[in-house]
N, C-alpha and C. Protein backbone atom coordinates (compact mmCIF):
# COMPACT_ATOMS: atom_id res chain seq x y z
N MET A 1 -9.67 -1.35 -4.30
CA MET A 1 -9.69 -0.15 -5.09
C MET A 1 -8.21 0.24 -5.28
N THR A 2 -7.79 0.20 -6.63
CA THR A 2 -6.45 0.58 -6.91
C THR A 2 -6.48 2.25 -6.78
N SER A 3 -5.29 2.91 -6.99
CA SER A 3 -5.02 4.02 -7.38
C SER A 3 -5.67 4.77 -8.46
N TYR A 4 -5.69 3.90 -9.47
CA TYR A 4 -6.39 4.26 -10.72
C TYR A 4 -7.71 4.17 -10.43
N ASP A 5 -8.38 3.06 -9.95
CA ASP A 5 -9.65 3.18 -9.72
C ASP A 5 -10.28 4.29 -8.69
N ALA A 6 -9.46 4.64 -7.68
CA ALA A 6 -9.77 5.85 -6.57
C ALA A 6 -9.70 7.06 -7.26
N HIS A 7 -8.69 7.22 -8.34
CA HIS A 7 -8.96 8.55 -9.00
C HIS A 7 -9.97 8.59 -10.18
N LEU A 8 -10.45 7.46 -10.93
CA LEU A 8 -11.65 7.53 -11.47
C LEU A 8 -13.01 7.80 -10.70
N TYR A 9 -13.01 7.04 -9.65
CA TYR A 9 -14.09 7.37 -8.64
C TYR A 9 -14.16 8.74 -8.40
N ALA A 10 -13.15 9.32 -8.05
CA ALA A 10 -13.28 10.85 -7.58
C ALA A 10 -13.33 11.70 -8.74
N HIS A 11 -13.21 11.18 -9.86
CA HIS A 11 -13.42 12.48 -11.29
C HIS A 11 -14.57 11.63 -11.89
N GLU A 12 -15.49 10.95 -11.29
CA GLU A 12 -16.60 10.19 -11.83
C GLU A 12 -16.46 9.31 -12.97
N GLY A 13 -15.38 8.48 -13.02
CA GLY A 13 -15.22 7.84 -14.32
C GLY A 13 -14.34 8.28 -15.16
N THR A 14 -14.07 9.17 -15.10
CA THR A 14 -13.25 10.07 -16.22
C THR A 14 -11.92 10.40 -16.17
N ILE A 15 -11.16 10.57 -17.25
CA ILE A 15 -9.98 10.89 -17.09
C ILE A 15 -10.02 12.54 -17.93
N ARG A 16 -9.74 13.42 -17.01
CA ARG A 16 -10.14 14.97 -17.49
C ARG A 16 -9.23 15.54 -18.44
N ALA A 17 -8.02 15.04 -18.53
CA ALA A 17 -7.09 15.56 -19.51
C ALA A 17 -7.58 15.41 -20.99
N ARG A 18 -7.30 16.50 -21.58
CA ARG A 18 -7.78 16.57 -22.93
C ARG A 18 -6.85 15.91 -24.11
N HIS A 19 -5.69 16.10 -23.87
CA HIS A 19 -4.68 15.65 -24.98
C HIS A 19 -4.04 14.49 -24.33
N LEU A 20 -3.93 13.52 -25.51
CA LEU A 20 -3.24 12.09 -25.38
C LEU A 20 -1.82 12.27 -24.33
N GLU A 21 -1.07 13.34 -24.80
CA GLU A 21 0.11 13.44 -23.92
C GLU A 21 -0.14 13.50 -22.34
N ALA A 22 -1.12 14.22 -21.93
CA ALA A 22 -1.70 14.60 -20.75
C ALA A 22 -2.13 13.34 -20.03
N GLN A 23 -2.85 12.67 -20.63
CA GLN A 23 -3.60 11.49 -20.34
C GLN A 23 -2.34 10.24 -20.29
N THR A 24 -1.58 10.12 -20.90
CA THR A 24 -0.29 9.52 -20.82
C THR A 24 0.40 9.85 -19.86
N GLU A 25 0.70 10.97 -19.37
CA GLU A 25 1.21 11.57 -18.16
C GLU A 25 0.65 10.82 -16.90
N GLN A 26 -0.71 11.20 -16.74
CA GLN A 26 -1.48 10.81 -15.66
C GLN A 26 -1.47 9.34 -15.56
N ALA A 27 -1.49 8.69 -16.36
CA ALA A 27 -1.42 7.08 -16.36
C ALA A 27 -0.24 6.80 -15.84
N TRP A 28 0.96 7.21 -16.22
CA TRP A 28 2.23 6.91 -15.68
C TRP A 28 2.14 7.56 -14.11
N ARG A 29 1.63 8.49 -13.74
CA ARG A 29 1.82 9.30 -12.44
C ARG A 29 1.09 8.00 -11.95
N LEU A 30 -0.07 7.55 -12.06
CA LEU A 30 -0.95 6.48 -11.43
C LEU A 30 -0.34 5.16 -11.09
N THR A 31 0.47 5.06 -12.38
CA THR A 31 1.35 3.53 -12.32
C THR A 31 2.18 3.75 -11.23
N LEU A 32 2.96 5.00 -11.01
CA LEU A 32 4.13 5.02 -10.16
C LEU A 32 3.53 4.97 -8.86
N VAL A 33 2.43 5.64 -8.31
CA VAL A 33 1.77 5.69 -7.09
C VAL A 33 1.47 4.18 -6.87
N THR A 34 0.58 3.46 -7.81
CA THR A 34 0.37 2.15 -7.36
C THR A 34 1.28 1.27 -7.23
N ASN A 35 2.55 1.31 -8.17
CA ASN A 35 3.88 0.44 -7.62
C ASN A 35 4.34 0.92 -6.16
N ALA A 36 4.29 2.26 -5.81
CA ALA A 36 4.91 2.49 -4.49
C ALA A 36 3.97 1.76 -3.35
N VAL A 37 2.69 1.81 -3.64
CA VAL A 37 2.07 1.15 -2.61
C VAL A 37 2.27 -0.26 -2.86
N VAL A 38 2.33 -0.90 -3.80
CA VAL A 38 2.48 -2.37 -3.89
C VAL A 38 3.62 -2.51 -3.12
N ALA A 39 4.85 -1.96 -3.43
CA ALA A 39 6.23 -2.02 -2.60
C ALA A 39 6.11 -1.99 -1.26
N ARG A 40 5.57 -1.05 -0.59
CA ARG A 40 5.12 -0.51 0.56
C ARG A 40 4.59 -1.69 1.42
N THR A 41 3.48 -2.03 0.59
CA THR A 41 2.72 -3.23 1.42
C THR A 41 3.56 -4.52 1.44
N THR A 42 4.29 -4.70 0.35
CA THR A 42 5.26 -6.16 0.24
C THR A 42 6.35 -5.81 1.44
N GLU A 43 6.70 -4.70 1.57
CA GLU A 43 7.67 -4.70 2.66
C GLU A 43 7.29 -4.86 3.94
N TYR A 44 6.23 -4.26 4.38
CA TYR A 44 5.35 -4.65 5.54
C TYR A 44 4.94 -5.83 5.60
N TYR A 45 4.46 -6.69 4.76
CA TYR A 45 4.30 -8.02 4.87
C TYR A 45 5.40 -8.97 5.19
N GLY A 46 6.47 -8.64 4.61
CA GLY A 46 7.64 -8.98 5.10
C GLY A 46 8.02 -9.01 6.55
N LEU A 47 8.23 -7.69 7.05
CA LEU A 47 8.42 -7.34 8.28
C LEU A 47 7.59 -8.12 9.01
N ALA A 48 6.10 -8.28 8.93
CA ALA A 48 5.12 -9.11 9.60
C ALA A 48 5.31 -10.45 9.73
N VAL A 49 5.70 -11.07 8.30
CA VAL A 49 5.98 -12.46 8.48
C VAL A 49 7.19 -12.98 9.30
N GLU A 50 8.26 -11.98 9.09
CA GLU A 50 9.63 -12.18 9.81
C GLU A 50 9.29 -12.23 11.29
N SER A 51 8.52 -11.11 11.91
CA SER A 51 8.42 -10.98 13.09
C SER A 51 7.22 -12.04 13.89
N MET A 52 6.32 -12.56 13.14
CA MET A 52 5.68 -13.79 13.50
C MET A 52 6.36 -15.13 13.58
N ARG A 53 7.28 -15.14 12.52
CA ARG A 53 7.96 -16.50 12.75
C ARG A 53 9.14 -16.48 13.70
N ARG A 54 9.58 -15.15 14.10
CA ARG A 54 10.56 -15.08 15.18
C ARG A 54 9.88 -15.28 16.52
N SER A 55 8.60 -14.96 16.47
CA SER A 55 7.71 -15.33 17.84
C SER A 55 7.20 -16.90 17.96
N GLY A 56 7.70 -17.53 16.83
CA GLY A 56 7.33 -19.00 17.03
C GLY A 56 6.40 -19.57 16.09
N ARG A 57 5.60 -18.27 15.38
CA ARG A 57 4.35 -18.91 14.54
C ARG A 57 4.59 -19.15 13.45
N ARG A 58 4.11 -20.60 12.99
CA ARG A 58 4.53 -21.47 11.75
C ARG A 58 3.57 -20.55 10.89
N ILE A 59 4.35 -20.25 9.63
CA ILE A 59 3.64 -19.49 8.43
C ILE A 59 4.23 -20.42 7.27
N ASP A 60 3.42 -21.12 6.64
CA ASP A 60 3.75 -21.95 5.47
C ASP A 60 4.22 -20.79 4.12
N ASP A 61 5.11 -21.19 3.42
CA ASP A 61 5.62 -20.33 2.18
C ASP A 61 4.24 -20.61 1.44
N GLU A 62 3.71 -21.53 1.25
CA GLU A 62 2.56 -22.20 0.44
C GLU A 62 1.21 -21.07 0.66
N VAL A 63 1.13 -20.57 2.06
CA VAL A 63 -0.01 -19.86 2.16
C VAL A 63 0.35 -18.62 1.61
N LEU A 64 1.74 -18.21 1.68
CA LEU A 64 2.19 -16.77 1.56
C LEU A 64 2.05 -16.58 -0.01
N ALA A 65 2.19 -17.68 -0.68
CA ALA A 65 2.00 -17.58 -1.97
C ALA A 65 0.77 -17.19 -2.53
N HIS A 66 -0.18 -17.07 -1.82
CA HIS A 66 -1.64 -16.56 -2.17
C HIS A 66 -1.93 -15.46 -1.64
N ILE A 67 -1.10 -14.69 -1.34
CA ILE A 67 -1.31 -13.27 -0.60
C ILE A 67 -0.70 -12.10 -1.30
N SER A 68 -1.62 -11.42 -1.83
CA SER A 68 -0.93 -10.22 -2.71
C SER A 68 -1.10 -8.84 -2.24
N PRO A 69 -0.11 -8.23 -2.35
CA PRO A 69 0.15 -6.63 -2.08
C PRO A 69 -0.62 -5.68 -2.54
N ALA A 70 -1.20 -6.08 -3.47
CA ALA A 70 -1.98 -5.33 -4.66
C ALA A 70 -3.23 -4.90 -4.27
N HIS A 71 -3.60 -4.36 -3.09
CA HIS A 71 -4.73 -3.94 -2.50
C HIS A 71 -4.54 -2.42 -1.80
N SER A 72 -5.56 -1.79 -1.57
CA SER A 72 -5.27 -0.43 -1.04
C SER A 72 -6.08 -0.17 0.08
N GLU A 73 -6.53 -0.98 0.94
CA GLU A 73 -7.36 -0.76 2.11
C GLU A 73 -6.68 0.43 3.07
N ASN A 74 -5.33 -0.01 3.15
CA ASN A 74 -4.37 1.05 4.08
C ASN A 74 -4.07 2.26 3.44
N VAL A 75 -4.76 2.62 2.19
CA VAL A 75 -4.28 4.11 1.55
C VAL A 75 -5.34 5.04 1.67
N ASN A 76 -4.88 6.27 2.02
CA ASN A 76 -5.69 7.52 2.18
C ASN A 76 -5.45 8.22 0.98
N PHE A 77 -6.70 7.59 -0.26
CA PHE A 77 -6.59 8.73 -1.30
C PHE A 77 -7.11 9.72 -1.43
N PHE A 78 -8.05 10.26 -0.30
CA PHE A 78 -8.76 11.50 -0.50
C PHE A 78 -8.31 12.71 0.60
N GLY A 79 -7.88 12.18 1.47
CA GLY A 79 -7.48 13.13 2.74
C GLY A 79 -6.16 13.75 2.73
N ALA A 80 -5.78 14.61 3.80
CA ALA A 80 -4.92 15.39 4.00
C ALA A 80 -4.05 14.43 4.72
N ILE A 81 -2.58 14.34 4.55
CA ILE A 81 -1.60 13.82 5.27
C ILE A 81 -0.85 14.59 6.23
N ASP A 82 -0.74 14.45 7.35
CA ASP A 82 -0.28 14.96 8.60
C ASP A 82 1.11 14.41 8.44
N VAL A 83 2.31 15.00 7.53
CA VAL A 83 3.59 14.49 7.44
C VAL A 83 4.24 14.49 8.67
N GLU A 84 4.26 15.41 9.53
CA GLU A 84 5.00 15.42 10.82
C GLU A 84 4.33 14.34 11.73
N GLY A 85 2.98 14.16 11.84
CA GLY A 85 2.52 13.04 12.59
C GLY A 85 3.03 11.72 12.25
N GLU A 86 2.83 11.77 10.93
CA GLU A 86 3.35 10.04 10.40
C GLU A 86 4.76 9.95 10.51
N LEU A 87 5.56 10.94 10.56
CA LEU A 87 7.08 10.65 11.06
C LEU A 87 7.36 10.43 12.34
N ALA A 88 6.49 11.07 13.20
CA ALA A 88 6.64 10.71 14.58
C ALA A 88 6.15 9.50 14.94
N GLN A 89 5.49 8.55 14.09
CA GLN A 89 5.21 7.37 14.42
C GLN A 89 6.06 6.27 14.04
N LEU A 90 7.23 6.96 13.19
CA LEU A 90 8.05 5.85 12.90
C LEU A 90 8.81 5.42 13.85
N GLY A 91 9.37 4.01 13.93
CA GLY A 91 10.02 3.33 15.17
C GLY A 91 11.67 3.78 14.85
N PRO A 92 12.52 3.19 15.54
CA PRO A 92 13.98 3.35 15.46
C PRO A 92 14.50 2.87 14.23
N THR A 93 13.59 1.85 13.53
CA THR A 93 14.37 1.09 12.46
C THR A 93 13.66 2.13 10.84
N GLY A 94 12.91 3.18 11.21
CA GLY A 94 12.28 3.81 10.18
C GLY A 94 10.87 3.22 9.49
N TYR A 95 10.42 2.42 10.13
CA TYR A 95 9.15 1.78 9.94
C TYR A 95 7.87 1.92 11.05
N ARG A 96 6.74 1.98 10.53
CA ARG A 96 5.86 2.05 11.64
C ARG A 96 5.61 0.69 12.50
N PRO A 97 5.16 0.81 13.61
CA PRO A 97 5.14 -0.35 14.37
C PRO A 97 4.20 -1.34 13.80
N LEU A 98 4.38 -2.60 13.75
CA LEU A 98 3.61 -3.51 13.25
C LEU A 98 2.38 -3.65 14.03
N ARG A 99 1.06 -4.09 13.65
CA ARG A 99 0.00 -4.05 14.71
C ARG A 99 -0.26 -5.72 14.68
N ILE A 100 0.35 -6.56 15.17
CA ILE A 100 0.16 -7.96 15.00
C ILE A 100 -0.82 -8.35 16.10
N GLY A 101 -2.06 -8.82 15.86
CA GLY A 101 -2.88 -9.27 16.83
C GLY A 101 -3.44 -10.68 16.58
N ASP A 102 -4.66 -10.80 16.57
CA ASP A 102 -5.24 -12.26 16.22
C ASP A 102 -5.15 -12.39 14.54
N THR A 103 -4.40 -13.14 14.15
CA THR A 103 -4.44 -13.34 12.86
C THR A 103 -4.79 -14.89 12.26
N LEU A 104 -4.92 -14.99 11.15
CA LEU A 104 -5.03 -16.50 10.89
C LEU A 104 -4.05 -17.31 10.92
N PHE A 105 -2.88 -17.01 11.20
CA PHE A 105 -1.66 -17.84 11.12
C PHE A 105 -1.66 -18.25 12.72
């Protein structure tokens, strides 16, 4: 589900803004959020692949070509965010620790 889909789901499939200008602004904000999610996911994919390769796992670039960061399973669209709690989970590099367990690679 993209952020756009989540927003439509939360508002029963409708954009509530009445005027075209407001609808356009809403669409741009949703695009910005979607792009931020894709950028963040891409960054973490890169960190995960780098970490797995450093540990000796073989990951073919051909396999990576079929992985898309355009998903949102890791995004909380409807809940509150504990900013202090989230910041406390960041490691010394400024990233959350990777959860690398059993993978397909």
